[in-house]
Amino acid sequence: MNYEIARKLLVDQTSNPDNPDTLLSRLQQGKPPVPGQVTSTLLALKVVFEALKAAPSLDRELAFALYQLAVKGQKLFAVGRKAGVDWPPLLNEDLVRISLAAESIFSGTWQTL
């Protein structure tokens, strides 16, 4: 996966009106991610991190997608849990990993659990 594909994947996982199966759309619907979706998202985050770790700035569209994946994903998970959604057992940990990866892109230093 190269930077352009990774960047597009991250943006598309937050807001793609042609795809009701984006990561955030599925969480908002109370549905678990599509198999492989979290893995692909984490891989894309790592690729973007490597490409941008020395960059002085980020473009607005990518920054907004990173923010949404990091913050909105966990909020939607919490709302679903409160509403009684039976999420997959490791989804919360995966969402924390996504948040840490997004934080890593902003900071330039890879964060781990």
PDB file of N, CA and C in Angstrom:
ATOM      1  N   MET A   1       0.859  -1.175   0.000  1.00  0.00           N
ATOM      2  CA  MET A   1       0.000   0.000   0.000  1.00  0.00           C
ATOM      3  C   MET A   1       0.903   1.235   0.000  1.00  0.00           C
ATOM      4  N   ASN A   2       0.617   2.178  -0.901  1.00  0.00           N
ATOM      5  CA  ASN A   2       1.398   3.403  -0.923  1.00  0.00           C
ATOM      6  C   ASN A   2       0.638   4.529  -0.210  1.00  0.00           C
ATOM      7  N   TYR A   3       1.273   5.683  -0.103  1.00  0.00           N
ATOM      8  CA  TYR A   3       0.680   6.799   0.637  1.00  0.00           C
ATOM      9  C   TYR A   3      -0.675   7.224   0.058  1.00  0.00           C
ATOM     10  N   GLU A   4      -0.759   7.371  -1.251  1.00  0.00           N
ATOM     11  CA  GLU A   4      -1.992   7.857  -1.857  1.00  0.00           C
ATOM     12  C   GLU A   4      -3.167   6.915  -1.585  1.00  0.00           C
ATOM     13  N   ILE A   5      -2.925   5.625  -1.695  1.00  0.00           N
ATOM     14  CA  ILE A   5      -3.977   4.636  -1.426  1.00  0.00           C
ATOM     15  C   ILE A   5      -4.342   4.662   0.057  1.00  0.00           C
ATOM     16  N   ALA A   6      -3.335   4.734   0.917  1.00  0.00           N
ATOM     17  CA  ALA A   6      -3.583   4.759   2.363  1.00  0.00           C
ATOM     18  C   ALA A   6      -4.389   5.999   2.752  1.00  0.00           C
ATOM     19  N   ARG A   7      -4.001   7.137   2.223  1.00  0.00           N
ATOM     20  CA  ARG A   7      -4.706   8.388   2.528  1.00  0.00           C
ATOM     21  C   ARG A   7      -6.161   8.299   2.084  1.00  0.00           C
ATOM     22  N   LYS A   8      -6.391   7.799   0.867  1.00  0.00           N
ATOM     23  CA  LYS A   8      -7.750   7.665   0.350  1.00  0.00           C
ATOM     24  C   LYS A   8      -8.571   6.708   1.209  1.00  0.00           C
ATOM     25  N   LEU A   9      -7.966   5.601   1.611  1.00  0.00           N
ATOM     26  CA  LEU A   9      -8.670   4.641   2.453  1.00  0.00           C
ATOM     27  C   LEU A   9      -9.113   5.303   3.753  1.00  0.00           C
ATOM     28  N   LEU A  10      -8.230   6.074   4.393  1.00  0.00           N
ATOM     29  CA  LEU A  10      -8.571   6.721   5.660  1.00  0.00           C
ATOM     30  C   LEU A  10      -9.694   7.734   5.481  1.00  0.00           C
ATOM     31  N   VAL A  11      -9.608   8.543   4.455  1.00  0.00           N
ATOM     32  CA  VAL A  11     -10.661   9.533   4.206  1.00  0.00           C
ATOM     33  C   VAL A  11     -11.973   8.817   3.904  1.00  0.00           C
ATOM     34  N   ASP A  12     -11.914   7.774   3.090  1.00  0.00           N
ATOM     35  CA  ASP A  12     -13.129   7.040   2.720  1.00  0.00           C
ATOM     36  C   ASP A  12     -13.766   6.304   3.900  1.00  0.00           C
ATOM     37  N   GLN A  13     -12.992   5.953   4.916  1.00  0.00           N
ATOM     38  CA  GLN A  13     -13.557   5.255   6.080  1.00  0.00           C
ATOM     39  C   GLN A  13     -14.349   6.198   6.986  1.00  0.00           C
ATOM     40  N   THR A  14     -14.217   7.496   6.748  1.00  0.00           N
ATOM     41  CA  THR A  14     -14.941   8.455   7.593  1.00  0.00           C
ATOM     42  C   THR A  14     -16.179   8.997   6.907  1.00  0.00           C
ATOM     43  N   SER A  15     -16.067   9.330   5.635  1.00  0.00           N
ATOM     44  CA  SER A  15     -17.215   9.939   4.961  1.00  0.00           C
ATOM     45  C   SER A  15     -17.180   9.615   3.476  1.00  0.00           C
ATOM     46  N   ASN A  16     -17.987   8.662   3.098  1.00  0.00           N
ATOM     47  CA  ASN A  16     -18.121   8.316   1.691  1.00  0.00           C
ATOM     48  C   ASN A  16     -19.601   8.045   1.457  1.00  0.00           C
ATOM     49  N   PRO A  17     -20.320   9.043   0.913  1.00  0.00           N
ATOM     50  CA  PRO A  17     -21.771   8.877   0.753  1.00  0.00           C
ATOM     51  C   PRO A  17     -22.173   7.702  -0.144  1.00  0.00           C
ATOM     52  N   ASP A  18     -21.249   7.242  -0.972  1.00  0.00           N
ATOM     53  CA  ASP A  18     -21.554   6.110  -1.850  1.00  0.00           C
ATOM     54  C   ASP A  18     -21.361   4.765  -1.156  1.00  0.00           C
ATOM     55  N   ASN A  19     -20.848   4.776   0.067  1.00  0.00           N
ATOM     56  CA  ASN A  19     -20.526   3.529   0.755  1.00  0.00           C
ATOM     57  C   ASN A  19     -21.084   3.539   2.182  1.00  0.00           C
ATOM     58  N   PRO A  20     -22.179   2.812   2.435  1.00  0.00           N
ATOM     59  CA  PRO A  20     -22.727   2.760   3.790  1.00  0.00           C
ATOM     60  C   PRO A  20     -21.906   1.864   4.721  1.00  0.00           C
ATOM     61  N   ASP A  21     -20.855   1.253   4.193  1.00  0.00           N
ATOM     62  CA  ASP A  21     -20.043   0.350   5.009  1.00  0.00           C
ATOM     63  C   ASP A  21     -18.721   0.962   5.443  1.00  0.00           C
ATOM     64  N   THR A  22     -18.632   2.293   5.506  1.00  0.00           N
ATOM     65  CA  THR A  22     -17.414   2.892   6.051  1.00  0.00           C
ATOM     66  C   THR A  22     -17.335   2.507   7.523  1.00  0.00           C
ATOM     67  N   LEU A  23     -16.161   2.573   8.072  1.00  0.00           N
ATOM     68  CA  LEU A  23     -15.980   2.200   9.481  1.00  0.00           C
ATOM     69  C   LEU A  23     -16.898   3.017  10.385  1.00  0.00           C
ATOM     70  N   LEU A  24     -16.904   4.330  10.210  1.00  0.00           N
ATOM     71  CA  LEU A  24     -17.730   5.166  11.084  1.00  0.00           C
ATOM     72  C   LEU A  24     -19.223   4.961  10.831  1.00  0.00           C
ATOM     73  N   SER A  25     -19.613   4.734   9.587  1.00  0.00           N
ATOM     74  CA  SER A  25     -21.032   4.474   9.295  1.00  0.00           C
ATOM     75  C   SER A  25     -21.498   3.190   9.971  1.00  0.00           C
ATOM     76  N   ARG A  26     -20.682   2.173   9.898  1.00  0.00           N
ATOM     77  CA  ARG A  26     -21.056   0.901  10.527  1.00  0.00           C
ATOM     78  C   ARG A  26     -21.172   1.053  12.043  1.00  0.00           C
ATOM     79  N   LEU A  27     -20.229   1.761  12.645  1.00  0.00           N
ATOM     80  CA  LEU A  27     -20.301   1.973  14.093  1.00  0.00           C
ATOM     81  C   LEU A  27     -21.550   2.767  14.456  1.00  0.00           C
ATOM     82  N   GLN A  28     -21.863   3.763  13.649  1.00  0.00           N
ATOM     83  CA  GLN A  28     -23.042   4.585  13.908  1.00  0.00           C
ATOM     84  C   GLN A  28     -24.323   3.755  13.791  1.00  0.00           C
ATOM     85  N   GLN A  29     -24.326   2.762  12.911  1.00  0.00           N
ATOM     86  CA  GLN A  29     -25.482   1.885  12.734  1.00  0.00           C
ATOM     87  C   GLN A  29     -25.530   0.773  13.792  1.00  0.00           C
ATOM     88  N   GLY A  30     -24.522   0.722  14.663  1.00  0.00           N
ATOM     89  CA  GLY A  30     -24.480  -0.336  15.664  1.00  0.00           C
ATOM     90  C   GLY A  30     -24.017  -1.664  15.098  1.00  0.00           C
ATOM     91  N   LYS A  31     -23.286  -1.597  13.976  1.00  0.00           N
ATOM     92  CA  LYS A  31     -22.772  -2.805  13.334  1.00  0.00           C
ATOM     93  C   LYS A  31     -21.263  -2.880  13.524  1.00  0.00           C
ATOM     94  N   PRO A  32     -20.732  -4.088  13.656  1.00  0.00           N
ATOM     95  CA  PRO A  32     -19.276  -4.219  13.762  1.00  0.00           C
ATOM     96  C   PRO A  32     -18.615  -3.909  12.415  1.00  0.00           C
ATOM     97  N   PRO A  33     -17.334  -3.615  12.421  1.00  0.00           N
ATOM     98  CA  PRO A  33     -16.628  -3.396  11.154  1.00  0.00           C
ATOM     99  C   PRO A  33     -16.684  -4.631  10.260  1.00  0.00           C
ATOM    100  N   VAL A  34     -16.584  -4.404   8.971  1.00  0.00           N
ATOM    101  CA  VAL A  34     -16.481  -5.485   7.998  1.00  0.00           C
ATOM    102  C   VAL A  34     -15.173  -6.231   8.286  1.00  0.00           C
ATOM    103  N   PRO A  35     -15.135  -7.559   8.158  1.00  0.00           N
ATOM    104  CA  PRO A  35     -13.882  -8.276   8.394  1.00  0.00           C
ATOM    105  C   PRO A  35     -12.723  -7.674   7.587  1.00  0.00           C
ATOM    106  N   GLY A  36     -11.629  -7.411   8.264  1.00  0.00           N
ATOM    107  CA  GLY A  36     -10.449  -6.846   7.635  1.00  0.00           C
ATOM    108  C   GLY A  36     -10.426  -5.322   7.608  1.00  0.00           C
ATOM    109  N   GLN A  37     -11.543  -4.700   7.938  1.00  0.00           N
ATOM    110  CA  GLN A  37     -11.634  -3.245   7.864  1.00  0.00           C
ATOM    111  C   GLN A  37     -10.717  -2.553   8.868  1.00  0.00           C
ATOM    112  N   VAL A  38     -10.677  -3.042  10.081  1.00  0.00           N
ATOM    113  CA  VAL A  38      -9.804  -2.441  11.093  1.00  0.00           C
ATOM    114  C   VAL A  38      -8.340  -2.680  10.734  1.00  0.00           C
ATOM    115  N   THR A  39      -8.025  -3.878  10.274  1.00  0.00           N
ATOM    116  CA  THR A  39      -6.647  -4.191   9.887  1.00  0.00           C
ATOM    117  C   THR A  39      -6.193  -3.281   8.747  1.00  0.00           C
ATOM    118  N   SER A  40      -7.042  -3.096   7.747  1.00  0.00           N
ATOM    119  CA  SER A  40      -6.712  -2.214   6.626  1.00  0.00           C
ATOM    120  C   SER A  40      -6.530  -0.773   7.094  1.00  0.00           C
ATOM    121  N   THR A  41      -7.380  -0.346   8.008  1.00  0.00           N
ATOM    122  CA  THR A  41      -7.288   1.015   8.538  1.00  0.00           C
ATOM    123  C   THR A  41      -5.986   1.201   9.310  1.00  0.00           C
ATOM    124  N   LEU A  42      -5.643   0.229  10.140  1.00  0.00           N
ATOM    125  CA  LEU A  42      -4.387   0.322  10.899  1.00  0.00           C
ATOM    126  C   LEU A  42      -3.172   0.307   9.978  1.00  0.00           C
ATOM    127  N   LEU A  43      -3.210  -0.518   8.947  1.00  0.00           N
ATOM    128  CA  LEU A  43      -2.117  -0.540   7.981  1.00  0.00           C
ATOM    129  C   LEU A  43      -2.001   0.801   7.272  1.00  0.00           C
ATOM    130  N   ALA A  44      -3.125   1.361   6.855  1.00  0.00           N
ATOM    131  CA  ALA A  44      -3.118   2.667   6.193  1.00  0.00           C
ATOM    132  C   ALA A  44      -2.570   3.754   7.119  1.00  0.00           C
ATOM    133  N   LEU A  45      -2.929   3.690   8.383  1.00  0.00           N
ATOM    134  CA  LEU A  45      -2.410   4.666   9.352  1.00  0.00           C
ATOM    135  C   LEU A  45      -0.892   4.562   9.475  1.00  0.00           C
ATOM    136  N   LYS A  46      -0.376   3.353   9.494  1.00  0.00           N
ATOM    137  CA  LYS A  46       1.076   3.151   9.586  1.00  0.00           C
ATOM    138  C   LYS A  46       1.779   3.681   8.331  1.00  0.00           C
ATOM    139  N   VAL A  47       1.197   3.422   7.166  1.00  0.00           N
ATOM    140  CA  VAL A  47       1.780   3.907   5.908  1.00  0.00           C
ATOM    141  C   VAL A  47       1.792   5.435   5.896  1.00  0.00           C
ATOM    142  N   VAL A  48       0.683   6.046   6.302  1.00  0.00           N
ATOM    143  CA  VAL A  48       0.609   7.514   6.340  1.00  0.00           C
ATOM    144  C   VAL A  48       1.604   8.055   7.363  1.00  0.00           C
ATOM    145  N   PHE A  49       1.702   7.401   8.509  1.00  0.00           N
ATOM    146  CA  PHE A  49       2.685   7.836   9.511  1.00  0.00           C
ATOM    147  C   PHE A  49       4.092   7.849   8.927  1.00  0.00           C
ATOM    148  N   GLU A  50       4.475   6.750   8.303  1.00  0.00           N
ATOM    149  CA  GLU A  50       5.828   6.658   7.739  1.00  0.00           C
ATOM    150  C   GLU A  50       6.074   7.728   6.679  1.00  0.00           C
ATOM    151  N   ALA A  51       5.057   8.000   5.878  1.00  0.00           N
ATOM    152  CA  ALA A  51       5.210   8.989   4.807  1.00  0.00           C
ATOM    153  C   ALA A  51       5.277  10.417   5.338  1.00  0.00           C
ATOM    154  N   LEU A  52       4.613  10.674   6.470  1.00  0.00           N
ATOM    155  CA  LEU A  52       4.487  12.047   6.949  1.00  0.00           C
ATOM    156  C   LEU A  52       5.228  12.357   8.249  1.00  0.00           C
ATOM    157  N   LYS A  53       5.986  11.400   8.785  1.00  0.00           N
ATOM    158  CA  LYS A  53       6.563  11.638  10.113  1.00  0.00           C
ATOM    159  C   LYS A  53       7.489  12.844  10.172  1.00  0.00           C
ATOM    160  N   ALA A  54       8.066  13.226   9.054  1.00  0.00           N
ATOM    161  CA  ALA A  54       8.937  14.410   9.047  1.00  0.00           C
ATOM    162  C   ALA A  54       8.259  15.624   8.407  1.00  0.00           C
ATOM    163  N   ALA A  55       7.019  15.469   8.000  1.00  0.00           N
ATOM    164  CA  ALA A  55       6.308  16.577   7.341  1.00  0.00           C
ATOM    165  C   ALA A  55       5.961  17.667   8.358  1.00  0.00           C
ATOM    166  N   PRO A  56       6.098  18.926   7.970  1.00  0.00           N
ATOM    167  CA  PRO A  56       5.791  20.015   8.892  1.00  0.00           C
ATOM    168  C   PRO A  56       4.298  20.280   9.074  1.00  0.00           C
ATOM    169  N   SER A  57       3.460  19.772   8.145  1.00  0.00           N
ATOM    170  CA  SER A  57       2.022  20.006   8.257  1.00  0.00           C
ATOM    171  C   SER A  57       1.251  18.893   7.548  1.00  0.00           C
ATOM    172  N   LEU A  58      -0.054  18.857   7.816  1.00  0.00           N
ATOM    173  CA  LEU A  58      -0.963  17.890   7.193  1.00  0.00           C
ATOM    174  C   LEU A  58      -2.044  18.647   6.449  1.00  0.00           C
ATOM    175  N   ASP A  59      -2.574  18.038   5.401  1.00  0.00           N
ATOM    176  CA  ASP A  59      -3.679  18.697   4.717  1.00  0.00           C
ATOM    177  C   ASP A  59      -4.958  18.547   5.541  1.00  0.00           C
ATOM    178  N   ARG A  60      -5.836  19.488   5.380  1.00  0.00           N
ATOM    179  CA  ARG A  60      -7.050  19.570   6.201  1.00  0.00           C
ATOM    180  C   ARG A  60      -7.938  18.327   6.071  1.00  0.00           C
ATOM    181  N   GLU A  61      -8.136  17.826   4.871  1.00  0.00           N
ATOM    182  CA  GLU A  61      -9.004  16.664   4.670  1.00  0.00           C
ATOM    183  C   GLU A  61      -8.464  15.442   5.420  1.00  0.00           C
ATOM    184  N   LEU A  62      -7.163  15.204   5.337  1.00  0.00           N
ATOM    185  CA  LEU A  62      -6.558  14.084   6.053  1.00  0.00           C
ATOM    186  C   LEU A  62      -6.628  14.308   7.559  1.00  0.00           C
ATOM    187  N   ALA A  63      -6.329  15.515   8.006  1.00  0.00           N
ATOM    188  CA  ALA A  63      -6.374  15.811   9.444  1.00  0.00           C
ATOM    189  C   ALA A  63      -7.775  15.573  10.000  1.00  0.00           C
ATOM    190  N   PHE A  64      -8.790  15.988   9.254  1.00  0.00           N
ATOM    191  CA  PHE A  64     -10.167  15.783   9.715  1.00  0.00           C
ATOM    192  C   PHE A  64     -10.511  14.297   9.767  1.00  0.00           C
ATOM    193  N   ALA A  65     -10.069  13.545   8.765  1.00  0.00           N
ATOM    194  CA  ALA A  65     -10.316  12.098   8.766  1.00  0.00           C
ATOM    195  C   ALA A  65      -9.634  11.433   9.962  1.00  0.00           C
ATOM    196  N   LEU A  66      -8.404  11.827  10.249  1.00  0.00           N
ATOM    197  CA  LEU A  66      -7.689  11.271  11.397  1.00  0.00           C
ATOM    198  C   LEU A  66      -8.410  11.591  12.702  1.00  0.00           C
ATOM    199  N   TYR A  67      -8.847  12.832  12.830  1.00  0.00           N
ATOM    200  CA  TYR A  67      -9.592  13.241  14.021  1.00  0.00           C
ATOM    201  C   TYR A  67     -10.858  12.396  14.174  1.00  0.00           C
ATOM    202  N   GLN A  68     -11.606  12.261  13.076  1.00  0.00           N
ATOM    203  CA  GLN A  68     -12.846  11.493  13.156  1.00  0.00           C
ATOM    204  C   GLN A  68     -12.588  10.041  13.531  1.00  0.00           C
ATOM    205  N   LEU A  69     -11.589   9.425  12.914  1.00  0.00           N
ATOM    206  CA  LEU A  69     -11.281   8.028  13.241  1.00  0.00           C
ATOM    207  C   LEU A  69     -10.875   7.891  14.697  1.00  0.00           C
ATOM    208  N   ALA A  70     -10.094   8.842  15.191  1.00  0.00           N
ATOM    209  CA  ALA A  70      -9.574   8.761  16.560  1.00  0.00           C
ATOM    210  C   ALA A  70     -10.637   9.049  17.603  1.00  0.00           C
ATOM    211  N   VAL A  71     -11.429  10.075  17.377  1.00  0.00           N
ATOM    212  CA  VAL A  71     -12.363  10.535  18.405  1.00  0.00           C
ATOM    213  C   VAL A  71     -13.784  10.001  18.184  1.00  0.00           C
ATOM    214  N   LYS A  72     -14.295  10.185  16.993  1.00  0.00           N
ATOM    215  CA  LYS A  72     -15.669   9.790  16.725  1.00  0.00           C
ATOM    216  C   LYS A  72     -15.857   8.281  16.804  1.00  0.00           C
ATOM    217  N   GLY A  73     -14.850   7.526  16.371  1.00  0.00           N
ATOM    218  CA  GLY A  73     -14.943   6.071  16.455  1.00  0.00           C
ATOM    219  C   GLY A  73     -15.171   5.593  17.880  1.00  0.00           C
ATOM    220  N   GLN A  74     -14.405   6.139  18.812  1.00  0.00           N
ATOM    221  CA  GLN A  74     -14.566   5.735  20.214  1.00  0.00           C
ATOM    222  C   GLN A  74     -15.888   6.232  20.795  1.00  0.00           C
ATOM    223  N   LYS A  75     -16.322   7.413  20.379  1.00  0.00           N
ATOM    224  CA  LYS A  75     -17.615   7.925  20.853  1.00  0.00           C
ATOM    225  C   LYS A  75     -18.757   7.043  20.368  1.00  0.00           C
ATOM    226  N   LEU A  76     -18.710   6.674  19.088  1.00  0.00           N
ATOM    227  CA  LEU A  76     -19.764   5.816  18.544  1.00  0.00           C
ATOM    228  C   LEU A  76     -19.771   4.448  19.223  1.00  0.00           C
ATOM    229  N   PHE A  77     -18.600   3.941  19.541  1.00  0.00           N
ATOM    230  CA  PHE A  77     -18.498   2.674  20.271  1.00  0.00           C
ATOM    231  C   PHE A  77     -19.176   2.809  21.634  1.00  0.00           C
ATOM    232  N   ALA A  78     -18.875   3.894  22.345  1.00  0.00           N
ATOM    233  CA  ALA A  78     -19.452   4.108  23.677  1.00  0.00           C
ATOM    234  C   ALA A  78     -20.971   4.272  23.604  1.00  0.00           C
ATOM    235  N   VAL A  79     -21.449   5.006  22.623  1.00  0.00           N
ATOM    236  CA  VAL A  79     -22.897   5.183  22.451  1.00  0.00           C
ATOM    237  C   VAL A  79     -23.553   3.832  22.165  1.00  0.00           C
ATOM    238  N   GLY A  80     -22.941   3.046  21.309  1.00  0.00           N
ATOM    239  CA  GLY A  80     -23.477   1.722  21.001  1.00  0.00           C
ATOM    240  C   GLY A  80     -23.501   0.814  22.209  1.00  0.00           C
ATOM    241  N   ARG A  81     -22.417   0.837  22.963  1.00  0.00           N
ATOM    242  CA  ARG A  81     -22.356   0.002  24.173  1.00  0.00           C
ATOM    243  C   ARG A  81     -23.463   0.399  25.145  1.00  0.00           C
ATOM    244  N   LYS A  82     -23.657   1.711  25.316  1.00  0.00           N
ATOM    245  CA  LYS A  82     -24.698   2.200  26.226  1.00  0.00           C
ATOM    246  C   LYS A  82     -26.088   1.775  25.740  1.00  0.00           C
ATOM    247  N   ALA A  83     -26.256   1.689  24.419  1.00  0.00           N
ATOM    248  CA  ALA A  83     -27.543   1.283  23.841  1.00  0.00           C
ATOM    249  C   ALA A  83     -27.703  -0.237  23.806  1.00  0.00           C
ATOM    250  N   GLY A  84     -26.687  -0.973  24.277  1.00  0.00           N
ATOM    251  CA  GLY A  84     -26.792  -2.419  24.345  1.00  0.00           C
ATOM    252  C   GLY A  84     -26.258  -3.173  23.144  1.00  0.00           C
ATOM    253  N   VAL A  85     -25.502  -2.498  22.287  1.00  0.00           N
ATOM    254  CA  VAL A  85     -24.908  -3.184  21.135  1.00  0.00           C
ATOM    255  C   VAL A  85     -23.867  -4.181  21.642  1.00  0.00           C
ATOM    256  N   ASP A  86     -23.905  -5.375  21.113  1.00  0.00           N
ATOM    257  CA  ASP A  86     -22.943  -6.412  21.485  1.00  0.00           C
ATOM    258  C   ASP A  86     -21.765  -6.354  20.506  1.00  0.00           C
ATOM    259  N   TRP A  87     -20.788  -5.513  20.808  1.00  0.00           N
ATOM    260  CA  TRP A  87     -19.635  -5.313  19.936  1.00  0.00           C
ATOM    261  C   TRP A  87     -18.691  -6.517  20.011  1.00  0.00           C
ATOM    262  N   PRO A  88     -17.908  -6.746  18.974  1.00  0.00           N
ATOM    263  CA  PRO A  88     -16.882  -7.800  19.040  1.00  0.00           C
ATOM    264  C   PRO A  88     -15.934  -7.531  20.211  1.00  0.00           C
ATOM    265  N   PRO A  89     -15.389  -8.579  20.820  1.00  0.00           N
ATOM    266  CA  PRO A  89     -14.600  -8.429  22.045  1.00  0.00           C
ATOM    267  C   PRO A  89     -13.371  -7.517  21.929  1.00  0.00           C
ATOM    268  N   LEU A  90     -12.705  -7.470  20.797  1.00  0.00           N
ATOM    269  CA  LEU A  90     -11.484  -6.679  20.682  1.00  0.00           C
ATOM    270  C   LEU A  90     -11.693  -5.335  20.002  1.00  0.00           C
ATOM    271  N   LEU A  91     -12.938  -4.977  19.690  1.00  0.00           N
ATOM    272  CA  LEU A  91     -13.185  -3.737  18.959  1.00  0.00           C
ATOM    273  C   LEU A  91     -12.729  -2.509  19.739  1.00  0.00           C
ATOM    274  N   ASN A  92     -12.994  -2.462  21.022  1.00  0.00           N
ATOM    275  CA  ASN A  92     -12.571  -1.297  21.807  1.00  0.00           C
ATOM    276  C   ASN A  92     -11.050  -1.136  21.755  1.00  0.00           C
ATOM    277  N   GLU A  93     -10.329  -2.222  21.915  1.00  0.00           N
ATOM    278  CA  GLU A  93      -8.865  -2.172  21.839  1.00  0.00           C
ATOM    279  C   GLU A  93      -8.409  -1.745  20.448  1.00  0.00           C
ATOM    280  N   ASP A  94      -9.081  -2.215  19.417  1.00  0.00           N
ATOM    281  CA  ASP A  94      -8.750  -1.808  18.045  1.00  0.00           C
ATOM    282  C   ASP A  94      -8.973  -0.315  17.848  1.00  0.00           C
ATOM    283  N   LEU A  95     -10.052   0.216  18.398  1.00  0.00           N
ATOM    284  CA  LEU A  95     -10.332   1.643  18.271  1.00  0.00           C
ATOM    285  C   LEU A  95      -9.296   2.478  19.032  1.00  0.00           C
ATOM    286  N   VAL A  96      -8.816   1.954  20.147  1.00  0.00           N
ATOM    287  CA  VAL A  96      -7.736   2.633  20.879  1.00  0.00           C
ATOM    288  C   VAL A  96      -6.467   2.635  20.023  1.00  0.00           C
ATOM    289  N   ARG A  97      -6.181   1.519  19.359  1.00  0.00           N
ATOM    290  CA  ARG A  97      -5.015   1.461  18.457  1.00  0.00           C
ATOM    291  C   ARG A  97      -5.141   2.473  17.319  1.00  0.00           C
ATOM    292  N   ILE A  98      -6.332   2.598  16.774  1.00  0.00           N
ATOM    293  CA  ILE A  98      -6.566   3.579  15.713  1.00  0.00           C
ATOM    294  C   ILE A  98      -6.311   4.990  16.252  1.00  0.00           C
ATOM    295  N   SER A  99      -6.807   5.269  17.446  1.00  0.00           N
ATOM    296  CA  SER A  99      -6.582   6.585  18.052  1.00  0.00           C
ATOM    297  C   SER A  99      -5.098   6.857  18.277  1.00  0.00           C
ATOM    298  N   LEU A 100      -4.387   5.862  18.764  1.00  0.00           N
ATOM    299  CA  LEU A 100      -2.948   6.033  18.999  1.00  0.00           C
ATOM    300  C   LEU A 100      -2.192   6.231  17.688  1.00  0.00           C
ATOM    301  N   ALA A 101      -2.603   5.533  16.647  1.00  0.00           N
ATOM    302  CA  ALA A 101      -1.951   5.695  15.354  1.00  0.00           C
ATOM    303  C   ALA A 101      -2.201   7.097  14.800  1.00  0.00           C
ATOM    304  N   ALA A 102      -3.429   7.596  14.947  1.00  0.00           N
ATOM    305  CA  ALA A 102      -3.735   8.959  14.503  1.00  0.00           C
ATOM    306  C   ALA A 102      -2.908   9.967  15.307  1.00  0.00           C
ATOM    307  N   GLU A 103      -2.828   9.768  16.610  1.00  0.00           N
ATOM    308  CA  GLU A 103      -2.001  10.625  17.458  1.00  0.00           C
ATOM    309  C   GLU A 103      -0.549  10.583  17.000  1.00  0.00           C
ATOM    310  N   SER A 104      -0.096   9.409  16.618  1.00  0.00           N
ATOM    311  CA  SER A 104       1.282   9.250  16.143  1.00  0.00           C
ATOM    312  C   SER A 104       1.538  10.096  14.898  1.00  0.00           C
ATOM    313  N   ILE A 105       0.576  10.133  14.001  1.00  0.00           N
ATOM    314  CA  ILE A 105       0.734  10.926  12.789  1.00  0.00           C
ATOM    315  C   ILE A 105       0.838  12.395  13.142  1.00  0.00           C
ATOM    316  N   PHE A 106       0.043  12.852  14.089  1.00  0.00           N
ATOM    317  CA  PHE A 106       0.114  14.261  14.506  1.00  0.00           C
ATOM    318  C   PHE A 106       1.432  14.579  15.215  1.00  0.00           C
ATOM    319  N   SER A 107       1.926  13.644  16.008  1.00  0.00           N
ATOM    320  CA  SER A 107       3.118  13.926  16.814  1.00  0.00           C
ATOM    321  C   SER A 107       4.431  13.620  16.107  1.00  0.00           C
ATOM    322  N   GLY A 108       4.395  12.699  15.151  1.00  0.00           N
ATOM    323  CA  GLY A 108       5.637  12.305  14.481  1.00  0.00           C
ATOM    324  C   GLY A 108       6.386  11.204  15.214  1.00  0.00           C
ATOM    325  N   THR A 109       5.819  10.692  16.295  1.00  0.00           N
ATOM    326  CA  THR A 109       6.417   9.603  17.070  1.00  0.00           C
ATOM    327  C   THR A 109       5.373   8.498  17.228  1.00  0.00           C
ATOM    328  N   TRP A 110       5.746   7.267  16.850  1.00  0.00           N
ATOM    329  CA  TRP A 110       4.797   6.159  16.887  1.00  0.00           C
ATOM    330  C   TRP A 110       4.428   5.819  18.328  1.00  0.00           C
ATOM    331  N   GLN A 111       3.134   5.775  18.610  1.00  0.00           N
ATOM    332  CA  GLN A 111       2.604   5.455  19.933  1.00  0.00           C
ATOM    333  C   GLN A 111       2.088   4.014  19.936  1.00  0.00           C
ATOM    334  N   THR A 112       2.283   3.317  21.036  1.00  0.00           N
ATOM    335  CA  THR A 112       1.758   1.965  21.163  1.00  0.00           C
ATOM    336  C   THR A 112       1.015   1.842  22.485  1.00  0.00           C
ATOM    337  N   LEU A 113       0.259   0.764  22.616  1.00  0.00           N
ATOM    338  CA  LEU A 113      -0.470   0.501  23.868  1.00  0.00           C
ATOM    339  C   LEU A 113       0.473   0.268  25.018  1.00  0.00           C
TER     340      LEU A 113
END
